[in-house]
Protein backbone atom coordinates (compact mmCIF):
# COMPACT_ATOMS: atom_id res chain seq x y z
CA MET A 1 3.14 -29.97 13.38
CA LYS A 2 5.34 -28.69 10.56
CA THR A 3 4.51 -25.18 9.37
CA ARG A 4 2.91 -25.27 5.93
CA THR A 5 3.12 -22.45 3.44
CA LEU A 6 0.38 -21.74 0.88
CA MET A 7 1.22 -19.25 -1.85
CA VAL A 8 -1.20 -17.07 -3.83
CA GLN A 9 0.00 -16.06 -7.29
CA GLY A 10 -1.80 -13.98 -9.89
CA ALA A 11 -2.48 -14.61 -13.54
CA THR A 12 -1.98 -10.84 -13.96
CA SER A 13 -1.04 -7.87 -11.86
CA ASP A 14 -3.94 -6.58 -9.72
CA ALA A 15 -5.73 -9.92 -9.95
CA GLY A 16 -6.52 -9.87 -6.24
CA LYS A 17 -3.48 -11.52 -4.64
CA SER A 18 -3.23 -9.10 -1.72
CA LEU A 19 -6.96 -9.27 -1.07
CA LEU A 20 -7.04 -13.09 -1.07
CA VAL A 21 -4.00 -13.37 1.20
CA THR A 22 -5.56 -10.88 3.61
CA ALA A 23 -8.86 -12.76 3.54
CA LEU A 24 -7.19 -16.13 4.13
CA CYS A 25 -5.17 -14.70 7.02
CA ARG A 26 -8.25 -13.44 8.89
CA TRP A 27 -10.17 -16.66 8.10
CA LEU A 28 -7.34 -18.75 9.55
CA VAL A 29 -7.25 -16.60 12.68
CA ARG A 30 -10.94 -17.38 13.10
CA GLN A 31 -9.99 -21.08 12.92
CA GLY A 32 -7.61 -20.62 15.83
CA VAL A 33 -4.52 -20.93 13.60
CA ARG A 34 -1.33 -18.95 14.35
CA VAL A 35 -0.68 -17.55 10.90
CA ALA A 36 1.69 -15.00 9.36
CA PRO A 37 1.64 -13.28 5.94
CA PHE A 38 4.69 -13.31 3.70
CA LYS A 39 5.68 -11.57 0.49
CA PRO A 40 9.20 -12.48 -0.65
CA GLN A 41 9.62 -9.44 -2.89
CA ASN A 42 7.40 -6.40 -3.16
CA MET A 43 7.63 -3.39 -5.45
CA ALA A 44 5.60 -0.59 -3.91
CA LEU A 45 5.77 3.04 -2.83
CA ASN A 46 3.27 2.54 0.00
CA SER A 47 5.17 1.25 3.01
CA ALA A 48 4.89 0.86 6.77
CA VAL A 49 7.20 0.84 9.79
CA THR A 50 7.42 -2.46 11.67
CA GLU A 51 7.75 -3.33 15.34
CA ASP A 52 11.47 -4.02 14.79
CA GLY A 53 12.02 -0.57 13.26
CA GLY A 54 12.21 -1.54 9.59
CA GLU A 55 10.23 -0.82 6.44
CA ILE A 56 7.89 -3.19 4.58
CA GLY A 57 5.18 -2.96 1.97
CA ARG A 58 1.93 -1.49 3.24
CA ALA A 59 -0.08 -4.53 2.14
CA GLN A 60 1.95 -6.81 4.40
CA ALA A 61 1.28 -4.52 7.38
CA VAL A 62 -2.46 -4.84 6.69
CA GLN A 63 -2.11 -8.62 6.33
CA ALA A 64 -0.32 -8.71 9.68
CA ALA A 65 -3.29 -6.85 11.17
CA ALA A 66 -5.53 -9.49 9.61
CA CYS A 67 -3.43 -12.11 11.44
CA ARG A 68 -3.67 -10.04 14.63
CA ILE A 69 0.13 -9.91 14.90
CA ALA A 70 2.58 -7.00 14.85
CA ALA A 71 4.09 -6.21 11.46
CA HIS A 72 7.69 -7.45 11.19
CA THR A 73 10.37 -7.08 8.53
CA ASP A 74 10.40 -10.86 8.02
CA THR A 75 6.93 -10.64 6.45
CA ASN A 76 8.41 -8.71 3.49
CA PRO A 77 12.19 -9.23 3.38
CA VAL A 78 12.74 -7.52 0.01
CA LEU A 79 11.05 -4.21 -0.83
CA LEU A 80 11.76 -2.24 -3.99
CA LYS A 81 10.74 1.43 -4.07
CA PRO A 82 10.95 2.85 -7.62
CA ASN A 83 12.55 6.28 -7.87
CA SER A 84 12.76 6.36 -11.68
CA ASP A 85 11.45 4.39 -14.65
CA THR A 86 14.52 2.13 -14.61
CA GLY A 87 15.70 2.07 -11.00
CA ALA A 88 14.61 1.63 -7.42
CA GLN A 89 15.79 1.84 -3.84
CA VAL A 90 16.43 -1.69 -2.57
CA ILE A 91 15.37 -2.48 1.01
CA ILE A 92 16.53 -5.75 2.58
CA HIS A 93 15.16 -6.86 5.95
CA GLY A 94 13.68 -3.40 6.44
CA ARG A 95 16.83 -1.39 5.71
CA ALA A 96 17.75 0.50 2.53
CA ILE A 97 20.98 -0.76 1.00
CA GLY A 98 21.06 1.73 -1.88
CA ASN A 99 19.69 2.38 -5.35
CA ARG A 100 20.02 -0.12 -8.18
CA SER A 101 19.01 -0.17 -11.82
CA ALA A 102 16.64 -2.90 -12.94
CA ARG A 103 19.51 -4.74 -14.64
CA ASP A 104 21.79 -4.49 -11.60
CA TYR A 105 19.05 -5.75 -9.32
CA HIS A 106 18.46 -8.75 -11.59
CA ASP A 107 22.06 -9.78 -10.89
CA TYR A 108 21.59 -9.06 -7.17
CA LYS A 109 18.68 -11.50 -6.83
CA LEU A 110 20.91 -14.35 -5.67
CA VAL A 111 21.85 -12.29 -2.61
CA ALA A 112 18.25 -11.22 -2.07
CA ARG A 113 17.17 -14.87 -2.28
CA GLU A 114 19.13 -15.66 0.87
CA ALA A 115 17.35 -12.85 2.74
CA VAL A 116 14.00 -14.26 1.58
CA LEU A 117 14.75 -17.80 2.72
CA GLN A 118 16.13 -16.62 6.07
CA SER A 119 12.96 -14.65 6.79
CA HIS A 120 10.71 -17.51 5.75
CA ALA A 121 12.60 -19.92 8.01
CA ARG A 122 12.21 -17.58 10.99
CA LEU A 123 8.46 -17.26 10.40
CA ALA A 124 8.12 -21.03 10.00
CA ALA A 125 9.68 -21.46 13.44
CA ARG A 126 7.07 -19.17 15.03
CA TYR A 127 3.79 -19.88 13.27
CA GLN A 128 1.55 -22.81 12.32
CA ALA A 129 0.85 -21.52 8.83
CA ILE A 130 2.21 -18.96 6.37
CA VAL A 131 0.16 -17.43 3.56
CA ALA A 132 2.55 -16.06 0.95
CA GLU A 133 1.83 -13.59 -1.84
CA GLY A 134 3.49 -13.55 -5.23
CA ALA A 135 4.29 -10.46 -7.27
CA GLY A 136 3.01 -9.66 -10.73
CA SER A 137 2.58 -12.95 -12.56
CA PRO A 138 4.62 -16.20 -12.65
CA ALA A 139 4.18 -16.17 -16.45
CA GLU A 140 6.65 -13.28 -16.88
CA ILE A 141 9.18 -15.59 -18.51
CA ASN A 142 11.71 -12.79 -19.03
CA LEU A 143 12.07 -12.61 -15.23
CA ARG A 144 12.19 -16.35 -14.57
CA ALA A 145 15.97 -16.56 -14.08
CA ASN A 146 16.82 -16.26 -10.35
CA ASP A 147 13.15 -15.61 -9.56
CA ILE A 148 12.41 -15.03 -5.88
CA ALA A 149 8.94 -13.50 -6.17
CA ASN A 150 6.79 -16.33 -7.54
CA MET A 151 7.59 -19.89 -8.60
CA GLY A 152 11.27 -19.54 -7.73
CA PHE A 153 10.26 -19.08 -4.11
CA ALA A 154 7.50 -21.73 -4.23
CA GLU A 155 9.95 -24.31 -5.57
CA ALA A 156 12.60 -23.35 -3.01
CA VAL A 157 10.26 -23.96 -0.04
CA ASP A 158 8.16 -26.65 -1.78
CA CYS A 159 4.73 -25.09 -1.24
CA PRO A 160 1.44 -25.41 -3.14
CA VAL A 161 0.19 -22.46 -5.18
CA VAL A 162 -3.30 -21.06 -5.70
CA LEU A 163 -3.64 -19.10 -8.93
CA ILE A 164 -6.09 -16.19 -8.88
CA ALA A 165 -7.46 -14.31 -11.89
CA ASP A 166 -9.72 -11.27 -12.30
CA ILE A 167 -12.84 -11.95 -14.37
CA ASP A 168 -13.89 -8.30 -14.29
CA ARG A 169 -11.17 -7.29 -16.75
CA GLY A 170 -12.15 -10.06 -19.19
CA GLY A 171 -10.31 -13.07 -20.61
CA VAL A 172 -10.20 -14.94 -17.30
CA PHE A 173 -9.94 -18.42 -18.85
CA ALA A 174 -7.21 -17.29 -21.22
CA HIS A 175 -5.32 -15.79 -18.29
CA LEU A 176 -5.44 -19.01 -16.29
CA VAL A 177 -4.76 -21.49 -19.09
CA GLY A 178 -2.14 -19.23 -20.66
CA THR A 179 -0.33 -18.86 -17.35
CA LEU A 180 -0.22 -22.63 -16.89
CA ALA A 181 1.10 -23.06 -20.42
CA LEU A 182 4.07 -20.79 -19.71
CA LEU A 183 5.11 -22.62 -16.54
CA SER A 184 7.57 -25.48 -16.38
CA ALA A 185 6.25 -28.97 -15.69
CA SER A 186 7.26 -28.84 -12.01
CA GLU A 187 5.71 -25.39 -11.61
CA ARG A 188 2.45 -26.53 -13.18
CA GLY A 189 2.46 -29.48 -10.82
CA ARG A 190 2.41 -27.30 -7.73
CA VAL A 191 -0.60 -25.24 -8.84
CA ALA A 192 -3.24 -26.70 -6.54
CA GLY A 193 -6.25 -24.86 -7.91
CA PHE A 194 -7.80 -21.67 -9.21
CA VAL A 195 -9.74 -18.79 -7.67
CA ILE A 196 -11.73 -16.43 -9.87
CA ASN A 197 -12.06 -12.92 -8.47
CA ARG A 198 -14.48 -9.98 -8.91
CA PHE A 199 -17.40 -11.89 -10.40
CA ARG A 200 -20.78 -10.20 -10.71
CA GLY A 201 -23.78 -11.83 -12.29
CA ASP A 202 -25.48 -15.21 -12.39
CA LEU A 203 -23.02 -17.91 -11.34
CA SER A 204 -24.94 -20.56 -13.27
CA LEU A 205 -23.97 -18.79 -16.49
CA LEU A 206 -20.30 -19.12 -15.53
CA GLN A 207 -20.54 -22.80 -14.60
CA PRO A 208 -19.96 -24.23 -18.11
CA GLY A 209 -16.70 -22.31 -18.26
CA LEU A 210 -15.66 -23.59 -14.85
CA ASP A 211 -16.42 -27.16 -15.91
CA TRP A 212 -14.35 -26.70 -19.06
CA LEU A 213 -11.46 -25.24 -17.05
CA VAL A 214 -11.35 -28.24 -14.72
CA GLN A 215 -11.52 -30.68 -17.64
CA GLU A 216 -8.91 -28.81 -19.67
CA THR A 217 -6.34 -28.39 -16.89
CA GLY A 218 -7.10 -31.11 -14.39
CA LYS A 219 -7.04 -28.46 -11.66
CA PRO A 220 -9.96 -27.70 -9.32
CA VAL A 221 -11.68 -24.33 -9.08
CA LEU A 222 -11.48 -23.52 -5.36
CA GLY A 223 -14.10 -20.82 -5.61
CA VAL A 224 -15.49 -17.73 -7.31
CA LEU A 225 -15.24 -14.52 -5.29
CA PRO A 226 -17.86 -11.79 -5.75
CA TYR A 227 -17.12 -8.21 -6.70
CA LEU A 228 -17.04 -6.51 -3.30
CA HIS A 229 -17.95 -2.83 -3.12
CA GLY A 230 -16.96 -0.45 -0.35
CA LEU A 231 -13.81 -2.21 0.86
CA HIS A 232 -11.55 -0.17 3.13
CA LEU A 233 -8.08 -1.67 2.76
CA ASP A 234 -4.73 0.07 2.35
CA ALA A 235 -3.65 -0.14 -1.29
CA GLU A 236 -0.37 -1.86 -2.03
CA ASP A 237 0.74 0.71 -4.57
CA ALA A 238 -1.51 1.81 -7.44
CA LEU A 239 -3.61 4.94 -7.07
CA PRO A 240 -7.38 4.61 -7.23
CA ALA A 241 -8.94 5.42 -10.59
CA LEU A 242 -8.23 9.05 -11.41
CA LEU A 243 -11.59 10.52 -12.38
CA PRO A 244 -11.98 14.18 -13.41
CA PHE A 245 -12.87 16.49 -10.54
CA PRO A 246 -16.55 17.57 -10.78
CA ALA A 247 -17.04 21.07 -12.08
CA SER A 248 -18.10 23.65 -9.51
CA GLY A 249 -18.36 27.38 -9.27
CA GLY A 250 -16.41 27.66 -6.03
CA GLY A 251 -14.46 25.99 -3.28
CA ALA A 252 -17.40 24.61 -1.29
CA GLY A 253 -18.05 20.96 -2.00
CA GLU A 254 -21.31 19.43 -3.13
CA GLU A 255 -24.03 19.44 -0.47
CA GLY A 256 -21.75 21.19 1.99
CA LYS A 257 -18.94 18.68 1.67
CA LEU A 258 -15.32 19.77 2.08
CA ARG A 259 -13.44 19.68 -1.21
CA VAL A 260 -9.99 18.09 -0.89
CA ILE A 261 -7.54 17.58 -3.76
CA VAL A 262 -4.13 15.92 -3.98
CA PRO A 263 -1.82 16.05 -7.02
CA ALA A 264 -1.05 12.58 -8.37
CA LEU A 265 2.73 12.95 -8.39
CA PRO A 266 4.72 10.60 -10.66
CA ARG A 267 6.53 9.18 -7.59
CA ILE A 268 3.77 9.64 -5.02
CA SER A 269 4.38 7.51 -1.93
CA ASN A 270 2.18 6.45 0.97
CA HIS A 271 -0.99 7.74 -0.65
CA THR A 272 -2.72 5.56 1.96
CA ASP A 273 -2.43 8.73 4.07
CA PHE A 274 -5.66 9.79 2.38
CA ASP A 275 -7.74 6.64 2.81
CA ALA A 276 -9.43 8.07 5.90
CA LEU A 277 -10.42 11.16 3.91
CA ARG A 278 -11.68 9.14 0.95
CA ALA A 279 -13.88 7.14 3.32
CA HIS A 280 -15.22 10.18 5.19
CA PRO A 281 -18.89 10.92 4.41
CA GLN A 282 -18.37 14.71 4.41
CA ILE A 283 -15.35 14.80 2.09
CA GLU A 284 -15.36 15.20 -1.66
CA PHE A 285 -11.90 13.86 -2.39
CA HIS A 286 -9.99 13.64 -5.67
CA PHE A 287 -6.49 12.86 -6.87
CA ILE A 288 -5.72 15.28 -9.70
CA ALA A 289 -4.23 13.51 -12.69
CA PRO A 290 -1.30 14.84 -14.75
CA GLY A 291 -2.58 17.31 -17.32
CA GLU A 292 -5.78 18.00 -15.38
CA LYS A 293 -6.29 21.61 -14.34
CA PRO A 294 -6.42 21.84 -10.52
CA PRO A 295 -9.92 22.97 -9.54
CA ALA A 296 -11.02 25.17 -6.67
CA ALA A 297 -10.93 23.34 -3.33
CA ASP A 298 -11.01 23.98 0.38
CA LEU A 299 -7.92 21.94 1.18
CA VAL A 300 -4.93 20.99 -0.97
CA ILE A 301 -2.52 18.33 0.29
CA LEU A 302 0.96 17.78 -1.13
CA PRO A 303 1.69 14.09 -0.59
CA GLY A 304 4.84 12.11 0.09
CA SER A 305 7.25 11.42 -2.74
CA LYS A 306 10.06 8.97 -3.48
CA ASN A 307 11.80 11.64 -5.57
CA VAL A 308 10.94 15.01 -4.07
CA ARG A 309 12.99 17.28 -6.33
CA ALA A 310 11.73 15.58 -9.51
CA ASP A 311 8.12 15.68 -8.30
CA LEU A 312 8.51 19.35 -7.39
CA ASP A 313 9.70 20.00 -10.96
CA PHE A 314 6.61 18.12 -12.15
CA LEU A 315 4.32 20.36 -10.08
CA ARG A 316 5.88 23.43 -11.61
CA THR A 317 5.52 22.15 -15.18
CA GLN A 318 1.84 21.47 -14.38
CA ASP A 319 1.30 25.06 -13.12
CA TRP A 320 0.55 23.89 -9.58
CA GLU A 321 2.69 26.65 -8.07
CA LYS A 322 0.47 29.29 -9.66
CA HIS A 323 -2.65 27.42 -8.57
CA LEU A 324 -1.44 27.13 -4.97
CA LEU A 325 -0.67 30.85 -4.79
CA HIS A 326 -4.24 31.55 -5.91
CA HIS A 327 -5.58 28.96 -3.47
CA LEU A 328 -3.79 30.57 -0.52
CA ARG A 329 -4.69 34.11 -1.58
CA TYR A 330 -8.38 33.26 -1.30
CA GLY A 331 -8.09 31.59 2.09
CA GLY A 332 -7.65 27.92 1.17
CA LYS A 333 -5.72 25.61 3.50
CA LEU A 334 -2.58 23.69 2.49
CA ILE A 335 -0.97 20.63 4.08
CA GLY A 336 2.35 19.06 3.13
CA ILE A 337 3.12 15.52 4.31
CA CYS A 338 6.70 14.20 4.33
CA GLY A 339 8.04 15.00 0.84
CA GLY A 340 5.19 17.47 0.41
CA PHE A 341 6.29 19.15 3.65
CA GLN A 342 9.85 19.41 2.31
CA MET A 343 8.57 21.07 -0.86
CA LEU A 344 7.04 23.88 1.22
CA GLY A 345 10.47 25.07 2.39
CA ARG A 346 13.02 27.31 0.69
CA TRP A 347 15.54 24.68 -0.42
CA LEU A 348 15.91 20.95 -1.01
CA HIS A 349 19.46 19.55 -0.99
CA ASP A 350 20.53 16.06 -2.09
CA PRO A 351 24.31 16.05 -1.59
CA TYR A 352 24.64 12.24 -1.75
CA GLY A 353 22.30 11.47 -4.64
CA VAL A 354 19.86 9.68 -2.35
CA GLU A 355 16.87 10.19 -4.65
CA GLY A 356 18.47 11.17 -7.94
CA ALA A 357 21.17 13.46 -9.25
CA VAL A 358 23.34 15.28 -6.70
CA GLY A 359 22.25 18.89 -6.36
CA SER A 360 19.83 21.40 -4.85
CA SER A 361 16.42 22.71 -5.84
CA ALA A 362 14.52 25.80 -4.77
CA GLY A 363 11.41 24.90 -2.81
CA LEU A 364 8.06 26.66 -2.89
CA GLY A 365 9.30 29.00 -0.17
CA TRP A 366 6.19 29.28 2.01
CA LEU A 367 7.92 27.93 5.11
CA ASP A 368 11.25 29.35 6.30
CA MET A 369 13.25 26.11 6.33
CA GLU A 370 15.42 23.91 4.15
CA THR A 371 15.86 20.15 3.91
CA THR A 372 18.95 18.03 3.33
CA LEU A 373 18.57 14.38 2.34
CA GLN A 374 20.71 11.97 4.36
CA ARG A 375 21.88 8.47 3.49
CA ASP A 376 20.06 6.91 6.45
CA LYS A 377 16.29 6.99 6.81
CA GLN A 378 14.31 7.94 9.88
CA LEU A 379 11.94 5.03 10.57
CA ARG A 380 9.63 5.04 13.58
CA ASN A 381 6.08 4.57 14.75
CA CYS A 382 4.99 7.48 16.89
CA SER A 383 2.09 9.17 18.58
CA GLY A 384 1.41 12.58 20.08
CA LYS A 385 -0.97 15.48 19.59
CA LEU A 386 -1.76 18.34 17.26
CA ALA A 387 -0.07 21.53 18.41
CA PHE A 388 -3.07 23.79 17.84
CA ASP A 389 -5.67 21.87 19.89
CA ASN A 390 -4.00 18.82 21.49
CA ALA A 391 -6.06 16.25 19.53
CA PRO A 392 -4.25 12.88 19.70
CA VAL A 393 -2.47 11.64 16.58
CA LYS A 394 -0.82 8.33 15.76
CA GLY A 395 1.24 7.38 12.72
CA TYR A 396 4.74 6.69 11.46
CA GLU A 397 7.74 8.42 9.89
CA ILE A 398 9.67 7.25 6.83
CA HIS A 399 12.00 9.92 5.47
CA ALA A 400 15.62 10.58 4.57
CA GLY A 401 15.39 14.35 4.89
CA THR A 402 16.43 16.47 7.85
CA SER A 403 14.78 19.90 7.99
CA SER A 404 15.97 23.03 9.78
CA GLY A 405 14.95 26.67 9.96
CA ALA A 406 12.87 29.26 11.78
CA ALA A 407 9.56 27.75 10.62
CA LEU A 408 10.15 24.75 12.87
CA MET A 409 9.79 27.02 15.91
CA ARG A 410 6.03 26.85 15.23
CA PRO A 411 5.54 23.07 15.21
CA ALA A 412 2.43 21.42 13.81
CA LEU A 413 2.58 18.42 16.14
CA TRP A 414 4.09 17.40 19.44
CA LEU A 415 5.21 13.78 19.24
CA GLU A 416 6.82 11.48 21.80
CA HIS A 417 10.29 12.38 20.56
CA GLY A 418 9.61 16.13 20.35
CA ALA A 419 8.29 18.79 17.99
CA ASP A 420 7.36 17.87 14.42
CA GLY A 421 6.59 19.91 11.35
CA ALA A 422 5.60 23.55 11.10
CA MET A 423 2.66 25.90 10.73
CA SER A 424 2.72 29.22 8.93
CA GLU A 425 2.21 32.39 10.95
CA ASP A 426 -1.20 32.98 9.36
CA GLY A 427 -2.33 29.42 10.15
CA GLN A 428 -3.08 28.54 6.53
CA ILE A 429 -0.22 26.09 5.94
CA LEU A 430 0.64 22.98 7.91
CA GLY A 431 3.57 20.64 7.25
CA THR A 432 4.51 17.39 8.95
CA TYR A 433 6.63 14.26 8.58
CA LEU A 434 3.88 12.12 10.13
CA HIS A 435 2.19 9.61 7.83
CA GLY A 436 -1.27 8.54 8.96
CA LEU A 437 -2.10 12.10 9.96
CA PHE A 438 -5.86 11.61 9.44
CA ASP A 439 -6.19 8.05 10.74
CA ALA A 440 -6.88 8.85 14.40
CA PRO A 441 -10.54 9.96 14.64
CA ALA A 442 -9.93 12.99 16.90
CA ALA A 443 -7.08 14.28 14.74
CA CYS A 444 -9.14 13.85 11.59
CA THR A 445 -12.03 15.81 13.11
CA SER A 446 -9.70 18.63 14.25
CA LEU A 447 -7.92 18.93 10.92
CA LEU A 448 -11.16 18.99 8.96
CA SER A 449 -12.51 21.70 11.27
CA TRP A 450 -9.29 23.67 10.73
CA ALA A 451 -9.78 23.26 6.98
CA GLY A 452 -13.27 24.75 7.19
CA LEU A 453 -15.72 21.87 7.57
CA ARG A 454 -18.58 22.60 9.96
CA ASP A 455 -20.18 20.03 12.27
CA VAL A 456 -17.67 17.30 11.45
CA ALA A 457 -19.14 13.80 11.74
CA ALA A 458 -17.15 11.23 13.68
CA SER A 459 -15.36 8.73 11.44
CA ASP A 460 -13.06 5.88 12.52
CA TYR A 461 -10.97 4.49 9.67
CA PHE A 462 -9.42 1.77 11.84
CA ALA A 463 -12.89 0.47 12.66
CA LEU A 464 -13.83 0.53 8.96
CA ARG A 465 -10.71 -1.48 8.09
CA GLU A 466 -11.39 -4.02 10.83
CA ALA A 467 -14.94 -4.45 9.53
CA THR A 468 -13.50 -5.04 6.06
CA LEU A 469 -11.18 -7.76 7.38
CA GLU A 470 -14.12 -9.55 8.95
CA ARG A 471 -16.08 -9.17 5.72
CA LEU A 472 -13.22 -10.79 3.80
CA ALA A 473 -13.15 -13.74 6.18
CA ASP A 474 -16.90 -14.14 5.66
CA MET A 475 -16.22 -14.18 1.92
CA VAL A 476 -13.75 -17.08 2.30
CA GLU A 477 -16.25 -19.09 4.31
CA GLN A 478 -19.09 -18.44 1.87
CA HIS A 479 -17.36 -18.70 -1.52
CA LEU A 480 -14.21 -20.87 -1.24
CA ASP A 481 -13.66 -24.58 -0.74
CA THR A 482 -12.41 -24.27 2.84
CA ALA A 483 -12.04 -28.04 3.25
CA HIS A 484 -9.59 -28.08 0.35
CA LEU A 485 -7.74 -25.06 1.74
CA ARG A 486 -7.32 -26.77 5.11
CA GLN A 487 -5.93 -29.80 3.34
CA LEU A 488 -3.40 -27.67 1.43
CA LEU A 489 -2.23 -26.22 4.76
CA ASP A 490 -2.14 -29.62 6.50
CA LEU A 491 -4.64 -28.39 9.05
CA PRO A 492 -6.66 -31.02 10.92
CA CYS A 493 -10.27 -31.57 9.96
CA THR A 494 -13.02 -30.59 12.40
CA GLU A 495 -16.60 -31.64 12.92
CA GLU A 496 -17.67 -28.40 11.23
CA VAL A 497 -15.18 -28.67 8.35
CA LEU A 498 -14.72 -31.98 6.57
CA CYS A 499 -11.48 -32.12 4.60
CA ALA A 500 -11.48 -32.80 0.90
CA PRO A 501 -11.14 -36.46 -0.10
């Protein structure tokens, strides 16, 4: 049977493309289908390391987990990681090829297109079905030339498209009809139907609008998805809503919870490192928005960054250096992860202009080390244990910096390849290159105990994510026209599932 590709495109950004692709992947696995996710081009600062040692968008790694396959660079052949408002690092087949401005990359798309089609062909040779995800919206007519992210890809591989829109933000019918109006005739022809996402309320009140939509466009509504609360899925890029930190007279969290804060850096990367903390029942967690005064907390974490020197300058302009000195003086704990770890040292050097202008910046100086950015990244999945109590850890490294100095003689972790990170002599500061530091349950418990939480409750983020994947598959079965979906993928009908006429 020929492999069939079904593509999900969005009427807007954040319409639910990643969620629907993930849901369809797990639903197809339940049907006994060998399926793979695919995103031709992704722009995201949350990434993952694949089995073949490359780098892809974090959402595609989660979608691979939904398919119960190992993440591979072919599932996301083009990844763009913004390092300024007008430029990004370009990653092709998992490897960084350099930085390009938005205009330069637009001209480069013809080369990137070949990488996309090569990856798709390799997946088609291995799997029964491919569920592809678009980027942004196909109605961005200024980006139509040489498009590889949406309809340009769909036309190249001749696949049907499902268009999803978010009713929660309002204007859902305008989004869908307006998107169709901006497509070419051939592009409109391959839109096989609509999915409306994040609906809450009485469906019967929506039905007249659905009937009008079908009559107006001639396209079927494949389903209306409910607004799902409490999902535990790695975000593709955007930070969760930045709400003000609750006022409090001290560092102790509400009802004995541990207060954890993270500065929302302009180029924050891999903020999925904190998903396990955000889901933990004993953690009061907040990202601190620009301009917001950092409040008292038990634990401060400096996150990864795609432009470490620029984000360090940002912290200083926001008075974070003064706040951190006060935090440490009164016994608070501090963790730096990847770029945040590099900031804790004495110096940051970028002799090749890897992340921005060539030059050096003074670090915060709390760890006796310095970091030099190299042209080649270190990419690897790894496991090991915490140095202070041997709790097992598991995660991945994505960094261009190489650190050296006396502080590294007191490592924070012991990984398969050797020592990692550093701890201060007084035990208040911990730095590491390992992303996913809190994901392993035992490591999370140990680190929260170190940070001052008493009687830490067991929490397993991997189990929570797996439960979410199953919940998404249930959603497909309950709210989408699965017979029509099977027909779009050329899957055989079954006694349980009758295909659409």
